[in-house]
Amino acid sequence: MNVRIVNLTAEISEFMKKIKTIEDEMRTDDISFMLNVKKTLKRSSCTQPEPETPTGTLIDEAKHIGNLQFSVWNKMAAIVQYTPVTLDPNTGSSDLTVLDNLTKSRKTTYSQSIPDTPERPGWSDILGYQGFNSGKHCWDVEVDGYWAVGVAAKTIYMPHYVPLYKTWAIYMCPCTNILRNLTLGDYMTVIAEDSFPKKIRVQFDYDKGISFFDLDRKRIVYDIKYTFTETIFPYFHENVKILPSKLSVSVTYP
């Protein structure tokens, strides 16, 4: 490229000299210039070589257009977030605020003006949007303060005249700061008295029960064995955030 620039610069300089020579002849003597016009034209003529097209100047259409939809999806996978569970605001109590595209709940110090429907039993509870009638399902939750995670049926029962969901869960007890069981009315069984999880993986099996794993310490927290018979929803209490799953794009051959 540098050699080509040098050659072009030399040719331009030569042309400028020829132009100046012709201009000088035109100023001195018009008759002499006209008599020597053929000679002048021959001297000013220039034969240019055919332009060269260097390698790599063409637009690489195959690179930019080939498998375009796949390429876009592959790049979007690093940007788009997906959570296997989202919160259902219509089941949340009036003292909960739902944030971050329905993935986070926070307890407030005031009661919001929302319709008081049977889907809202109160007590700072909220359910996931999609219910399960079969299969295995998994989601990760980050917890803070006082919380509960697990699953629940929308069946409302009244232990001690308090409307609650029928739950299979674990919870951080606000009275004793102890991690306890919260399953079918049992809210006293102690799970842990210290070293509480902050990120929990909930693994739900409709036919076998539910397990809770501490993601930071990589160990099981608690198991609840149960065979479910009704539609079951992810269950949360107070301050929780559902964590996004990792997305990947792969190619498989038939």
C-alpha atoms as a PDB file:
ATOM      1  CA  MET A   1       0.000   0.000   0.000  1.00  0.00           C
ATOM      2  CA  ASN A   2       2.859   2.427   0.808  1.00  0.00           C
ATOM      3  CA  VAL A   3       4.543   1.689  -2.548  1.00  0.00           C
ATOM      4  CA  ARG A   4       1.290   2.433  -4.373  1.00  0.00           C
ATOM      5  CA  ILE A   5       0.955   5.768  -2.578  1.00  0.00           C
ATOM      6  CA  VAL A   6       4.538   6.709  -3.519  1.00  0.00           C
ATOM      7  CA  ASN A   7       3.922   5.866  -7.203  1.00  0.00           C
ATOM      8  CA  LEU A   8       0.703   7.866  -7.297  1.00  0.00           C
ATOM      9  CA  THR A   9       2.429  10.838  -5.701  1.00  0.00           C
ATOM     10  CA  ALA A  10       5.185  10.731  -8.369  1.00  0.00           C
ATOM     11  CA  GLU A  11       2.622  10.551 -11.198  1.00  0.00           C
ATOM     12  CA  ILE A  12       0.682  13.493  -9.801  1.00  0.00           C
ATOM     13  CA  SER A  13       3.884  15.503  -9.560  1.00  0.00           C
ATOM     14  CA  GLU A  14       4.741  14.710 -13.215  1.00  0.00           C
ATOM     15  CA  PHE A  15       1.260  15.803 -14.353  1.00  0.00           C
ATOM     16  CA  MET A  16       1.610  19.079 -12.465  1.00  0.00           C
ATOM     17  CA  LYS A  17       4.877  19.791 -14.267  1.00  0.00           C
ATOM     18  CA  LYS A  18       3.301  19.137 -17.684  1.00  0.00           C
ATOM     19  CA  ILE A  19       0.381  21.412 -16.883  1.00  0.00           C
ATOM     20  CA  LYS A  20       2.728  24.204 -15.825  1.00  0.00           C
ATOM     21  CA  THR A  21       4.787  23.813 -19.019  1.00  0.00           C
ATOM     22  CA  ILE A  22       1.692  24.057 -21.213  1.00  0.00           C
ATOM     23  CA  GLU A  23       0.411  27.088 -19.298  1.00  0.00           C
ATOM     24  CA  ASP A  24       3.796  28.829 -19.761  1.00  0.00           C
ATOM     25  CA  GLU A  25       3.750  28.150 -23.521  1.00  0.00           C
ATOM     26  CA  MET A  26       0.231  29.554 -23.808  1.00  0.00           C
ATOM     27  CA  ARG A  27       1.301  32.801 -22.176  1.00  0.00           C
ATOM     28  CA  THR A  28       4.398  33.404 -24.339  1.00  0.00           C
ATOM     29  CA  ASP A  29       3.237  33.109 -27.916  1.00  0.00           C
ATOM     30  CA  ASP A  30      -0.190  32.039 -29.099  1.00  0.00           C
ATOM     31  CA  ILE A  31       0.979  31.381 -32.687  1.00  0.00           C
ATOM     32  CA  SER A  32       3.851  29.141 -31.595  1.00  0.00           C
ATOM     33  CA  PHE A  33       1.492  27.273 -29.313  1.00  0.00           C
ATOM     34  CA  MET A  34      -1.028  26.648 -32.097  1.00  0.00           C
ATOM     35  CA  LEU A  35       1.676  25.501 -34.527  1.00  0.00           C
ATOM     36  CA  ASN A  36       2.995  23.016 -31.994  1.00  0.00           C
ATOM     37  CA  VAL A  37      -0.397  21.894 -30.717  1.00  0.00           C
ATOM     38  CA  LYS A  38       0.026  18.293 -31.934  1.00  0.00           C
ATOM     39  CA  LYS A  39       3.360  18.041 -30.221  1.00  0.00           C
ATOM     40  CA  THR A  40       1.882  19.502 -27.027  1.00  0.00           C
ATOM     41  CA  LEU A  41      -1.034  17.058 -27.046  1.00  0.00           C
ATOM     42  CA  LYS A  42       1.289  14.127 -27.529  1.00  0.00           C
ATOM     43  CA  ARG A  43       3.513  15.342 -24.689  1.00  0.00           C
ATOM     44  CA  SER A  44       0.528  15.787 -22.344  1.00  0.00           C
ATOM     45  CA  SER A  45      -1.080  12.427 -23.081  1.00  0.00           C
ATOM     46  CA  CYS A  46      -0.826   9.705 -20.479  1.00  0.00           C
ATOM     47  CA  THR A  47      -1.684   6.051 -20.591  1.00  0.00           C
ATOM     48  CA  GLN A  48      -2.931   4.798 -17.256  1.00  0.00           C
ATOM     49  CA  PRO A  49      -2.736   1.107 -16.350  1.00  0.00           C
ATOM     50  CA  GLU A  50      -5.920  -0.801 -15.610  1.00  0.00           C
ATOM     51  CA  PRO A  51      -6.929  -0.298 -11.969  1.00  0.00           C
ATOM     52  CA  GLU A  52      -6.047  -3.143  -9.653  1.00  0.00           C
ATOM     53  CA  THR A  53      -8.552  -4.585  -7.189  1.00  0.00           C
ATOM     54  CA  PRO A  54      -6.638  -5.659  -4.108  1.00  0.00           C
ATOM     55  CA  THR A  55      -7.677  -8.723  -2.136  1.00  0.00           C
ATOM     56  CA  GLY A  56     -10.203  -8.157   0.629  1.00  0.00           C
ATOM     57  CA  THR A  57     -12.027  -5.147  -0.825  1.00  0.00           C
ATOM     58  CA  LEU A  58     -15.303  -7.015  -1.423  1.00  0.00           C
ATOM     59  CA  ILE A  59     -17.980  -7.164   1.270  1.00  0.00           C
ATOM     60  CA  ASP A  60     -17.937 -10.592   2.869  1.00  0.00           C
ATOM     61  CA  GLU A  61     -21.601 -11.420   2.287  1.00  0.00           C
ATOM     62  CA  ALA A  62     -21.272 -15.005   3.524  1.00  0.00           C
ATOM     63  CA  LYS A  63     -19.894 -13.808   6.840  1.00  0.00           C
ATOM     64  CA  HIS A  64     -22.607 -11.230   7.495  1.00  0.00           C
ATOM     65  CA  ILE A  65     -25.670 -12.908   5.962  1.00  0.00           C
ATOM     66  CA  GLY A  66     -25.014 -16.636   6.312  1.00  0.00           C
ATOM     67  CA  ASN A  67     -26.960 -18.105   9.277  1.00  0.00           C
ATOM     68  CA  LEU A  68     -28.006 -14.570  10.191  1.00  0.00           C
ATOM     69  CA  GLN A  69     -30.838 -15.553  12.552  1.00  0.00           C
ATOM     70  CA  PHE A  70     -28.607 -18.010  14.407  1.00  0.00           C
ATOM     71  CA  SER A  71     -25.826 -15.428  14.735  1.00  0.00           C
ATOM     72  CA  VAL A  72     -28.227 -12.861  16.161  1.00  0.00           C
ATOM     73  CA  TRP A  73     -29.684 -15.389  18.637  1.00  0.00           C
ATOM     74  CA  ASN A  74     -26.199 -16.487  19.695  1.00  0.00           C
ATOM     75  CA  LYS A  75     -25.265 -12.896  20.541  1.00  0.00           C
ATOM     76  CA  MET A  76     -28.614 -12.208  22.233  1.00  0.00           C
ATOM     77  CA  ALA A  77     -28.095 -15.204  24.526  1.00  0.00           C
ATOM     78  CA  ALA A  78     -25.397 -13.225  26.332  1.00  0.00           C
ATOM     79  CA  ILE A  79     -27.789 -10.292  26.862  1.00  0.00           C
ATOM     80  CA  VAL A  80     -31.251 -11.764  27.406  1.00  0.00           C
ATOM     81  CA  GLN A  81     -32.110 -13.092  30.859  1.00  0.00           C
ATOM     82  CA  TYR A  82     -34.513 -15.954  31.471  1.00  0.00           C
ATOM     83  CA  THR A  83     -36.022 -17.011  34.789  1.00  0.00           C
ATOM     84  CA  PRO A  84     -37.847 -20.348  34.953  1.00  0.00           C
ATOM     85  CA  VAL A  85     -40.290 -18.825  37.458  1.00  0.00           C
ATOM     86  CA  THR A  86     -41.921 -15.389  37.577  1.00  0.00           C
ATOM     87  CA  LEU A  87     -44.036 -13.921  40.349  1.00  0.00           C
ATOM     88  CA  ASP A  88     -47.788 -13.487  40.009  1.00  0.00           C
ATOM     89  CA  PRO A  89     -48.705 -10.025  41.376  1.00  0.00           C
ATOM     90  CA  ASN A  90     -52.367 -11.048  41.587  1.00  0.00           C
ATOM     91  CA  THR A  91     -51.487 -13.471  44.406  1.00  0.00           C
ATOM     92  CA  GLY A  92     -49.264 -11.088  46.372  1.00  0.00           C
ATOM     93  CA  SER A  93     -50.370  -9.525  49.630  1.00  0.00           C
ATOM     94  CA  SER A  94     -50.875  -5.789  49.877  1.00  0.00           C
ATOM     95  CA  ASP A  95     -47.629  -5.226  51.818  1.00  0.00           C
ATOM     96  CA  LEU A  96     -45.431  -6.647  49.002  1.00  0.00           C
ATOM     97  CA  THR A  97     -43.933  -4.750  46.085  1.00  0.00           C
ATOM     98  CA  VAL A  98     -43.069  -6.768  42.970  1.00  0.00           C
ATOM     99  CA  LEU A  99     -40.013  -5.516  41.027  1.00  0.00           C
ATOM    100  CA  ASP A 100     -37.518  -6.369  38.266  1.00  0.00           C
ATOM    101  CA  ASN A 101     -39.831  -7.847  35.633  1.00  0.00           C
ATOM    102  CA  LEU A 102     -41.776  -9.909  38.195  1.00  0.00           C
ATOM    103  CA  THR A 103     -38.675 -11.616  39.637  1.00  0.00           C
ATOM    104  CA  LYS A 104     -38.280  -9.775  42.950  1.00  0.00           C
ATOM    105  CA  SER A 105     -40.536  -9.080  45.947  1.00  0.00           C
ATOM    106  CA  ARG A 106     -39.915  -6.660  48.786  1.00  0.00           C
ATOM    107  CA  LYS A 107     -41.906  -6.156  51.963  1.00  0.00           C
ATOM    108  CA  THR A 108     -43.056  -2.556  52.446  1.00  0.00           C
ATOM    109  CA  THR A 109     -43.967  -0.642  55.579  1.00  0.00           C
ATOM    110  CA  TYR A 110     -47.364   0.316  54.184  1.00  0.00           C
ATOM    111  CA  SER A 111     -50.380  -1.434  52.670  1.00  0.00           C
ATOM    112  CA  GLN A 112     -51.003  -0.841  48.982  1.00  0.00           C
ATOM    113  CA  SER A 113     -54.423  -0.111  47.583  1.00  0.00           C
ATOM    114  CA  ILE A 114     -55.110  -3.311  45.629  1.00  0.00           C
ATOM    115  CA  PRO A 115     -58.223  -5.479  45.223  1.00  0.00           C
ATOM    116  CA  ASP A 116     -58.821  -7.796  48.173  1.00  0.00           C
ATOM    117  CA  THR A 117     -59.456 -11.082  46.343  1.00  0.00           C
ATOM    118  CA  PRO A 118     -59.432 -14.732  47.508  1.00  0.00           C
ATOM    119  CA  GLU A 119     -56.098 -15.223  45.704  1.00  0.00           C
ATOM    120  CA  ARG A 120     -54.429 -12.964  48.306  1.00  0.00           C
ATOM    121  CA  PRO A 121     -54.352 -14.727  51.682  1.00  0.00           C
ATOM    122  CA  GLY A 122     -52.072 -12.087  53.158  1.00  0.00           C
ATOM    123  CA  TRP A 123     -49.094 -12.518  55.469  1.00  0.00           C
ATOM    124  CA  SER A 124     -46.599 -11.205  52.858  1.00  0.00           C
ATOM    125  CA  ASP A 125     -46.987 -14.277  50.636  1.00  0.00           C
ATOM    126  CA  ILE A 126     -46.833 -14.477  46.851  1.00  0.00           C
ATOM    127  CA  LEU A 127     -46.961 -17.337  44.340  1.00  0.00           C
ATOM    128  CA  GLY A 128     -45.262 -18.032  41.056  1.00  0.00           C
ATOM    129  CA  TYR A 129     -47.332 -17.515  37.945  1.00  0.00           C
ATOM    130  CA  GLN A 130     -47.180 -21.021  36.457  1.00  0.00           C
ATOM    131  CA  GLY A 131     -48.507 -24.058  38.297  1.00  0.00           C
ATOM    132  CA  PHE A 132     -47.307 -27.657  37.965  1.00  0.00           C
ATOM    133  CA  ASN A 133     -49.339 -30.862  37.656  1.00  0.00           C
ATOM    134  CA  SER A 134     -46.463 -33.207  36.853  1.00  0.00           C
ATOM    135  CA  GLY A 135     -42.744 -33.479  36.177  1.00  0.00           C
ATOM    136  CA  LYS A 136     -39.577 -32.035  37.667  1.00  0.00           C
ATOM    137  CA  HIS A 137     -38.854 -28.319  37.956  1.00  0.00           C
ATOM    138  CA  CYS A 138     -36.020 -26.197  39.332  1.00  0.00           C
ATOM    139  CA  TRP A 139     -35.399 -22.532  40.172  1.00  0.00           C
ATOM    140  CA  ASP A 140     -32.835 -20.507  42.142  1.00  0.00           C
ATOM    141  CA  VAL A 141     -33.746 -17.876  44.715  1.00  0.00           C
ATOM    142  CA  GLU A 142     -31.758 -15.223  46.550  1.00  0.00           C
ATOM    143  CA  VAL A 143     -33.179 -14.455  49.995  1.00  0.00           C
ATOM    144  CA  ASP A 144     -32.739 -11.641  52.496  1.00  0.00           C
ATOM    145  CA  GLY A 145     -34.025 -10.854  55.972  1.00  0.00           C
ATOM    146  CA  TYR A 146     -37.090 -12.918  56.820  1.00  0.00           C
ATOM    147  CA  TRP A 147     -38.239 -15.142  53.989  1.00  0.00           C
ATOM    148  CA  ALA A 148     -39.778 -18.415  52.893  1.00  0.00           C
ATOM    149  CA  VAL A 149     -39.351 -20.468  49.721  1.00  0.00           C
ATOM    150  CA  GLY A 150     -40.974 -23.670  48.531  1.00  0.00           C
ATOM    151  CA  VAL A 151     -44.227 -24.630  46.838  1.00  0.00           C
ATOM    152  CA  ALA A 152     -47.896 -24.195  47.664  1.00  0.00           C
ATOM    153  CA  ALA A 153     -51.376 -25.142  46.543  1.00  0.00           C
ATOM    154  CA  LYS A 154     -53.897 -22.360  46.099  1.00  0.00           C
ATOM    155  CA  THR A 155     -56.074 -24.192  48.588  1.00  0.00           C
ATOM    156  CA  ILE A 156     -56.628 -21.863  51.528  1.00  0.00           C
ATOM    157  CA  TYR A 157     -56.951 -23.315  55.002  1.00  0.00           C
ATOM    158  CA  MET A 158     -57.450 -21.606  58.347  1.00  0.00           C
ATOM    159  CA  PRO A 159     -55.156 -22.809  61.119  1.00  0.00           C
ATOM    160  CA  HIS A 160     -55.881 -20.688  64.186  1.00  0.00           C
ATOM    161  CA  TYR A 161     -58.255 -18.647  61.994  1.00  0.00           C
ATOM    162  CA  VAL A 162     -55.365 -17.322  59.903  1.00  0.00           C
ATOM    163  CA  PRO A 163     -55.861 -17.688  56.115  1.00  0.00           C
ATOM    164  CA  LEU A 164     -52.791 -19.349  54.631  1.00  0.00           C
ATOM    165  CA  TYR A 165     -51.745 -21.302  51.569  1.00  0.00           C
ATOM    166  CA  LYS A 166     -51.160 -25.020  51.934  1.00  0.00           C
ATOM    167  CA  THR A 167     -47.346 -24.982  51.746  1.00  0.00           C
ATOM    168  CA  TRP A 168     -44.330 -27.283  51.525  1.00  0.00           C
ATOM    169  CA  ALA A 169     -41.503 -24.868  52.303  1.00  0.00           C
ATOM    170  CA  ILE A 170     -38.760 -23.646  54.619  1.00  0.00           C
ATOM    171  CA  TYR A 171     -38.734 -20.233  56.289  1.00  0.00           C
ATOM    172  CA  MET A 172     -36.596 -17.910  58.344  1.00  0.00           C
ATOM    173  CA  CYS A 173     -38.472 -17.430  61.605  1.00  0.00           C
ATOM    174  CA  PRO A 174     -38.659 -13.715  62.563  1.00  0.00           C
ATOM    175  CA  CYS A 175     -39.231 -14.528  66.228  1.00  0.00           C
ATOM    176  CA  THR A 176     -36.199 -16.750  66.842  1.00  0.00           C
ATOM    177  CA  ASN A 177     -33.884 -16.163  63.827  1.00  0.00           C
ATOM    178  CA  ILE A 178     -33.927 -19.901  63.183  1.00  0.00           C
ATOM    179  CA  LEU A 179     -34.498 -21.691  59.900  1.00  0.00           C
ATOM    180  CA  ARG A 180     -37.608 -23.844  60.225  1.00  0.00           C
ATOM    181  CA  ASN A 181     -39.911 -26.144  58.314  1.00  0.00           C
ATOM    182  CA  LEU A 182     -43.183 -24.732  56.936  1.00  0.00           C
ATOM    183  CA  THR A 183     -45.124 -27.741  55.696  1.00  0.00           C
ATOM    184  CA  LEU A 184     -48.829 -28.447  56.161  1.00  0.00           C
ATOM    185  CA  GLY A 185     -49.124 -26.586  59.446  1.00  0.00           C
ATOM    186  CA  ASP A 186     -45.763 -27.649  60.884  1.00  0.00           C
ATOM    187  CA  TYR A 187     -43.888 -24.397  61.471  1.00  0.00           C
ATOM    188  CA  MET A 188     -41.798 -25.465  64.480  1.00  0.00           C
ATOM    189  CA  THR A 189     -39.375 -28.104  63.186  1.00  0.00           C
ATOM    190  CA  VAL A 190     -35.846 -26.642  63.335  1.00  0.00           C
ATOM    191  CA  ILE A 191     -33.677 -27.006  60.218  1.00  0.00           C
ATOM    192  CA  ALA A 192     -30.695 -24.797  61.172  1.00  0.00           C
ATOM    193  CA  GLU A 193     -29.853 -22.443  64.023  1.00  0.00           C
ATOM    194  CA  ASP A 194     -26.911 -20.739  62.294  1.00  0.00           C
ATOM    195  CA  SER A 195     -25.154 -20.595  58.927  1.00  0.00           C
ATOM    196  CA  PHE A 196     -28.257 -19.812  56.922  1.00  0.00           C
ATOM    197  CA  PRO A 197     -28.353 -20.000  53.104  1.00  0.00           C
ATOM    198  CA  LYS A 198     -28.477 -16.834  50.996  1.00  0.00           C
ATOM    199  CA  LYS A 199     -28.952 -18.462  47.604  1.00  0.00           C
ATOM    200  CA  ILE A 200     -31.208 -21.490  47.418  1.00  0.00           C
ATOM    201  CA  ARG A 201     -31.927 -23.933  44.608  1.00  0.00           C
ATOM    202  CA  VAL A 202     -35.434 -25.362  44.807  1.00  0.00           C
ATOM    203  CA  GLN A 203     -35.778 -28.766  43.106  1.00  0.00           C
ATOM    204  CA  PHE A 204     -39.382 -29.863  42.820  1.00  0.00           C
ATOM    205  CA  ASP A 205     -40.535 -33.356  41.825  1.00  0.00           C
ATOM    206  CA  TYR A 206     -44.310 -33.693  41.601  1.00  0.00           C
ATOM    207  CA  ASP A 207     -44.165 -37.414  42.456  1.00  0.00           C
ATOM    208  CA  LYS A 208     -41.448 -37.395  45.141  1.00  0.00           C
ATOM    209  CA  GLY A 209     -41.374 -34.035  46.921  1.00  0.00           C
ATOM    210  CA  ILE A 210     -39.105 -30.997  47.139  1.00  0.00           C
ATOM    211  CA  SER A 211     -35.441 -30.415  48.020  1.00  0.00           C
ATOM    212  CA  PHE A 212     -33.569 -27.243  48.994  1.00  0.00           C
ATOM    213  CA  PHE A 213     -29.848 -26.718  48.246  1.00  0.00           C
ATOM    214  CA  ASP A 214     -27.458 -24.050  49.494  1.00  0.00           C
ATOM    215  CA  LEU A 215     -25.838 -22.783  46.279  1.00  0.00           C
ATOM    216  CA  ASP A 216     -22.954 -21.023  48.037  1.00  0.00           C
ATOM    217  CA  ARG A 217     -21.954 -23.945  50.280  1.00  0.00           C
ATOM    218  CA  LYS A 218     -23.018 -26.577  47.715  1.00  0.00           C
ATOM    219  CA  ARG A 219     -24.892 -28.742  50.169  1.00  0.00           C
ATOM    220  CA  ILE A 220     -28.444 -29.856  50.817  1.00  0.00           C
ATOM    221  CA  VAL A 221     -30.481 -27.826  53.297  1.00  0.00           C
ATOM    222  CA  TYR A 222     -33.675 -29.830  53.637  1.00  0.00           C
ATOM    223  CA  ASP A 223     -35.832 -32.514  51.991  1.00  0.00           C
ATOM    224  CA  ILE A 224     -39.602 -32.838  52.049  1.00  0.00           C
ATOM    225  CA  LYS A 225     -40.937 -36.175  50.810  1.00  0.00           C
ATOM    226  CA  TYR A 226     -44.419 -35.949  49.362  1.00  0.00           C
ATOM    227  CA  THR A 227     -46.563 -37.091  46.446  1.00  0.00           C
ATOM    228  CA  PHE A 228     -48.679 -34.201  45.210  1.00  0.00           C
ATOM    229  CA  THR A 229     -52.212 -34.527  43.880  1.00  0.00           C
ATOM    230  CA  GLU A 230     -53.213 -30.963  43.010  1.00  0.00           C
ATOM    231  CA  THR A 231     -51.830 -28.024  41.036  1.00  0.00           C
ATOM    232  CA  ILE A 232     -48.709 -26.743  42.807  1.00  0.00           C
ATOM    233  CA  PHE A 233     -47.176 -23.259  42.498  1.00  0.00           C
ATOM    234  CA  PRO A 234     -43.776 -21.860  43.509  1.00  0.00           C
ATOM    235  CA  TYR A 235     -44.208 -20.148  46.868  1.00  0.00           C
ATOM    236  CA  PHE A 236     -42.353 -17.144  48.319  1.00  0.00           C
ATOM    237  CA  HIS A 237     -42.569 -14.957  51.409  1.00  0.00           C
ATOM    238  CA  GLU A 238     -41.318 -11.390  51.874  1.00  0.00           C
ATOM    239  CA  ASN A 239     -37.833 -10.573  50.505  1.00  0.00           C
ATOM    240  CA  VAL A 240     -36.817 -12.842  47.634  1.00  0.00           C
ATOM    241  CA  LYS A 241     -35.334 -12.557  44.166  1.00  0.00           C
ATOM    242  CA  ILE A 242     -35.591 -15.282  41.513  1.00  0.00           C
ATOM    243  CA  LEU A 243     -32.209 -15.661  39.818  1.00  0.00           C
ATOM    244  CA  PRO A 244     -31.855 -15.977  36.020  1.00  0.00           C
ATOM    245  CA  SER A 245     -30.823 -19.258  34.461  1.00  0.00           C
ATOM    246  CA  LYS A 246     -27.822 -19.531  32.177  1.00  0.00           C
ATOM    247  CA  LEU A 247     -28.690 -19.617  28.474  1.00  0.00           C
ATOM    248  CA  SER A 248     -26.626 -21.424  25.843  1.00  0.00           C
ATOM    249  CA  VAL A 249     -26.921 -21.934  22.097  1.00  0.00           C
ATOM    250  CA  SER A 250     -25.780 -25.274  20.699  1.00  0.00           C
ATOM    251  CA  VAL A 251     -25.826 -27.100  17.373  1.00  0.00           C
ATOM    252  CA  THR A 252     -26.880 -30.728  17.181  1.00  0.00           C
ATOM    253  CA  TYR A 253     -26.943 -33.014  14.176  1.00  0.00           C
ATOM    254  CA  PRO A 254     -29.773 -35.454  13.432  1.00  0.00           C
END
